[in-house]
Amino acid sequence: MSDRRRSLCIVLSMMVIALLLACSSVIEDPTPTSMPPTPTETEIPPVQCAEARSPTDEDVEYTLAFADKVLVPDEWQRTYEVKVDRVNATYHGPEGGFVALEYLIYPCGYTSADIDEFFSRESLEQVIYANYQDPRVVDDCRDDGEQLLLFEISTESQGTTYAIRHWVLTDHPTRVLNMLIAYPEENRENLDELGRKLFPQLVSCSQ
């Protein structure tokens, strides 16, 4: 795994940890593939893209608008951060729910192999969700257009069992959006509700 991919995995893992800690402070009981996705591959001359790693204003607006369209401000508390090659946004909501988005910038494009390695089952279970207890990818699937990948994950944290769905959207040649929604197992019906609003083409692997 390259240094950049390892760094991105570690950052996403840290973001998940921070979300759990934040949820724990708010409520008493607080609350990825056998077939690789097929993103659009690009051939952008390195001289034109090597310096274009920083997110643009449009990247920030897109990231925030993606979830803001369905998460009611009065119910969900949002924070976000703009870094060198990505935009991160996190939301803490009712019933122990939390949402995390990461918009990754690939200025020179990416390949199917890049996505397959970064979001492999091994990476999800051993790196991204490593600080949960016994994280397991229980299912994975793609939409018919092969631009949306979904991982369904079961795990535990601080004595609570979580149901997580982690989507990876590869509909842009130089951008990858990945988003997780997590709820305590007893509130997993909320995953269907938010999934239908955000990713109606692939709500779950059993749809």
Protein backbone atom coordinates (compact mmCIF):
# COMPACT_ATOMS: atom_id res chain seq x y z
CA MET A 1 0.00 0.00 0.00
CA SER A 2 1.42 3.43 -0.94
CA ASP A 3 2.19 6.06 1.69
CA ARG A 4 -0.72 8.19 0.46
CA ARG A 5 -3.25 5.34 0.65
CA ARG A 6 -1.94 4.33 4.09
CA SER A 7 -2.22 7.94 5.26
CA LEU A 8 -5.79 8.23 3.96
CA CYS A 9 -6.80 4.97 5.66
CA ILE A 10 -5.33 6.14 8.95
CA VAL A 11 -7.12 9.50 8.69
CA LEU A 12 -10.48 7.83 8.04
CA SER A 13 -9.88 5.45 10.93
CA MET A 14 -9.11 8.40 13.22
CA MET A 15 -12.28 10.13 12.02
CA VAL A 16 -14.35 7.08 12.97
CA ILE A 17 -12.71 6.96 16.40
CA ALA A 18 -13.44 10.64 16.99
CA LEU A 19 -17.08 10.11 16.08
CA LEU A 20 -17.48 7.30 18.60
CA LEU A 21 -15.86 9.31 21.36
CA ALA A 22 -18.08 12.28 20.60
CA CYS A 23 -21.23 10.13 20.58
CA SER A 24 -20.20 8.59 23.89
CA SER A 25 -19.99 12.02 25.49
CA VAL A 26 -23.50 12.93 24.35
CA ILE A 27 -25.46 9.81 25.21
CA GLU A 28 -25.18 7.29 27.99
CA ASP A 29 -25.13 4.17 25.77
CA PRO A 30 -23.58 5.26 22.43
CA THR A 31 -24.72 4.14 19.78
CA PRO A 32 -15.34 -2.90 3.04
CA THR A 33 -14.98 -6.66 -2.02
CA SER A 34 -15.15 -9.77 -4.04
CA MET A 35 -15.91 -7.73 -7.16
CA PRO A 36 -14.00 -4.42 -7.41
CA PRO A 37 -15.80 -1.22 -8.41
CA THR A 38 -15.12 0.22 -11.84
CA PRO A 39 -14.36 3.94 -11.62
CA THR A 40 -13.78 6.11 -14.66
CA GLU A 41 -10.08 5.92 -15.40
CA THR A 42 -8.32 9.05 -16.62
CA GLU A 43 -5.15 9.91 -18.45
CA ILE A 44 -4.32 13.42 -17.26
CA PRO A 45 -0.74 14.54 -17.96
CA PRO A 46 1.05 14.69 -14.57
CA VAL A 47 2.40 18.16 -15.38
CA GLN A 48 -1.18 19.46 -15.40
CA CYS A 49 -2.40 17.83 -12.23
CA ALA A 50 0.48 17.25 -9.82
CA GLU A 51 -0.10 20.55 -8.03
CA ALA A 52 -3.90 20.34 -7.98
CA ARG A 53 -4.36 18.26 -4.82
CA SER A 54 -6.09 20.87 -2.67
CA PRO A 55 -9.91 20.76 -2.62
CA THR A 56 -11.64 23.63 -4.39
CA ASP A 57 -14.54 25.65 -3.01
CA GLU A 58 -16.79 23.53 -5.21
CA ASP A 59 -15.43 20.36 -3.59
CA VAL A 60 -16.26 21.70 -0.13
CA GLU A 61 -19.75 22.79 -1.20
CA TYR A 62 -20.47 19.43 -2.81
CA THR A 63 -19.32 17.47 0.25
CA LEU A 64 -21.43 19.46 2.69
CA ALA A 65 -24.49 19.64 0.44
CA PHE A 66 -24.48 15.88 -0.12
CA ALA A 67 -25.58 15.10 3.44
CA ASP A 68 -27.07 18.47 4.38
CA LYS A 69 -29.92 17.81 1.95
CA VAL A 70 -31.34 15.09 4.22
CA LEU A 71 -29.89 15.69 7.70
CA VAL A 72 -32.00 18.25 9.57
CA PRO A 73 -29.73 20.88 11.20
CA ASP A 74 -31.79 20.94 14.41
CA GLU A 75 -31.24 17.20 14.82
CA TRP A 76 -27.73 16.69 13.43
CA GLN A 77 -24.60 18.51 14.59
CA ARG A 78 -22.07 18.97 11.79
CA THR A 79 -18.35 19.61 11.78
CA TYR A 80 -16.03 19.60 8.77
CA GLU A 81 -12.38 19.98 7.88
CA VAL A 82 -10.56 20.80 4.64
CA LYS A 83 -7.17 19.13 4.22
CA VAL A 84 -4.56 18.92 1.48
CA ASP A 85 -6.22 16.16 -0.54
CA ARG A 86 -9.68 15.68 0.95
CA VAL A 87 -12.70 17.20 2.66
CA ASN A 88 -14.05 15.52 5.81
CA ALA A 89 -17.48 16.08 7.35
CA THR A 90 -19.06 14.41 10.36
CA TYR A 91 -22.58 14.50 11.78
CA HIS A 92 -23.84 13.46 15.21
CA GLY A 93 -27.55 12.74 15.34
CA PRO A 94 -30.42 11.33 17.39
CA GLU A 95 -30.77 7.74 18.59
CA GLY A 96 -27.00 7.30 18.67
CA GLY A 97 -26.58 7.77 14.93
CA PHE A 98 -23.56 9.27 13.25
CA VAL A 99 -22.51 9.96 9.69
CA ALA A 100 -19.06 10.58 8.20
CA LEU A 101 -18.17 11.71 4.69
CA GLU A 102 -14.78 11.91 3.04
CA TYR A 103 -14.29 13.44 -0.42
CA LEU A 104 -10.93 12.23 -1.70
CA ILE A 105 -9.03 14.24 -4.32
CA TYR A 106 -7.16 12.30 -7.02
CA PRO A 107 -5.88 15.14 -9.25
CA CYS A 108 -4.25 12.74 -11.74
CA GLY A 109 -7.15 10.30 -11.67
CA TYR A 110 -7.39 6.80 -10.20
CA THR A 111 -7.83 3.23 -11.34
CA SER A 112 -10.01 0.32 -10.35
CA ALA A 113 -7.00 -1.19 -8.61
CA ASP A 114 -6.59 1.94 -6.46
CA ILE A 115 -10.18 1.72 -5.24
CA ASP A 116 -10.05 -2.03 -4.80
CA GLU A 117 -6.95 -1.75 -2.61
CA PHE A 118 -8.05 1.25 -0.56
CA PHE A 119 -11.52 -0.17 0.17
CA SER A 120 -10.70 -3.86 0.37
CA ARG A 121 -12.23 -6.03 3.09
CA GLU A 122 -8.80 -6.31 4.70
CA SER A 123 -8.34 -2.54 4.73
CA LEU A 124 -11.78 -1.94 6.20
CA GLU A 125 -11.50 -4.58 8.92
CA GLN A 126 -7.83 -4.11 9.84
CA VAL A 127 -7.22 -0.40 9.25
CA ILE A 128 -10.28 1.82 8.86
CA TYR A 129 -12.39 0.09 11.54
CA ALA A 130 -9.47 -1.33 13.50
CA ASN A 131 -10.43 0.48 16.70
CA TYR A 132 -13.82 -1.17 16.87
CA GLN A 133 -14.21 -4.57 18.48
CA ASP A 134 -14.29 -7.43 15.96
CA PRO A 135 -15.30 -5.43 12.85
CA ARG A 136 -16.68 -7.70 10.16
CA VAL A 137 -17.71 -6.94 6.58
CA VAL A 138 -20.83 -9.10 6.41
CA ASP A 139 -21.78 -8.21 2.83
CA ASP A 140 -20.75 -6.07 -0.13
CA CYS A 141 -22.35 -5.21 -3.44
CA ARG A 142 -22.43 -2.74 -6.34
CA ASP A 143 -25.14 -0.92 -8.21
CA ASP A 144 -25.93 -1.82 -11.82
CA GLY A 145 -23.92 1.12 -13.12
CA GLU A 146 -20.86 -0.10 -11.19
CA GLN A 147 -20.19 3.37 -9.82
CA LEU A 148 -21.46 2.78 -6.29
CA LEU A 149 -20.03 0.23 -3.89
CA LEU A 150 -21.59 -0.68 -0.55
CA PHE A 151 -20.12 -2.50 2.43
CA GLU A 152 -22.31 -3.65 5.31
CA ILE A 153 -20.37 -3.92 8.54
CA SER A 154 -21.14 -5.32 11.97
CA THR A 155 -18.98 -4.29 14.91
CA GLU A 156 -18.96 -3.29 18.56
CA SER A 157 -17.70 -0.37 20.60
CA GLN A 158 -17.94 0.23 24.34
CA GLY A 159 -20.38 -2.66 24.74
CA THR A 160 -22.73 -1.52 21.98
CA THR A 161 -23.25 -3.45 18.75
CA TYR A 162 -23.30 -1.21 15.68
CA ALA A 163 -24.73 -1.70 12.20
CA ILE A 164 -22.76 0.30 9.64
CA ARG A 165 -23.19 0.86 5.92
CA HIS A 166 -20.25 2.32 4.06
CA TRP A 167 -20.79 3.59 0.51
CA VAL A 168 -18.08 4.43 -2.04
CA LEU A 169 -19.15 6.60 -5.00
CA THR A 170 -16.87 6.66 -8.06
CA ASP A 171 -18.85 8.75 -10.53
CA HIS A 172 -16.15 11.43 -11.01
CA PRO A 173 -12.80 10.88 -12.77
CA THR A 174 -10.73 12.66 -10.09
CA ARG A 175 -12.93 12.53 -6.98
CA VAL A 176 -14.14 9.67 -4.75
CA LEU A 177 -16.86 10.18 -2.15
CA ASN A 178 -17.09 7.64 0.64
CA MET A 179 -19.68 7.85 3.37
CA LEU A 180 -20.57 5.78 6.40
CA ILE A 181 -23.77 5.73 8.41
CA ALA A 182 -23.74 3.96 11.78
CA TYR A 183 -26.45 3.21 14.31
CA PRO A 184 -26.74 0.92 17.31
CA GLU A 185 -28.11 -2.43 16.15
CA GLU A 186 -31.50 -1.79 17.77
CA ASN A 187 -31.91 1.30 15.59
CA ARG A 188 -30.75 -0.22 12.31
CA GLU A 189 -34.04 0.70 10.59
CA ASN A 190 -32.63 4.23 10.43
CA LEU A 191 -30.00 2.92 8.02
CA ASP A 192 -32.73 2.06 5.53
CA GLU A 193 -34.37 5.45 5.96
CA LEU A 194 -31.21 7.48 5.37
CA GLY A 195 -29.98 5.06 2.71
CA ARG A 196 -33.13 5.58 0.65
CA LYS A 197 -32.64 9.34 0.77
CA LEU A 198 -28.92 9.40 0.01
CA PHE A 199 -28.34 6.32 -2.16
CA PRO A 200 -31.71 5.18 -3.52
CA GLN A 201 -29.98 3.12 -6.21
CA LEU A 202 -28.30 0.92 -3.57
CA VAL A 203 -29.92 1.14 -0.13
CA SER A 204 -28.63 -2.24 1.05
CA CYS A 205 -27.16 -5.40 -0.40
CA SER A 206 -30.40 -7.27 0.29
CA GLN A 207 -32.74 -4.81 -1.44
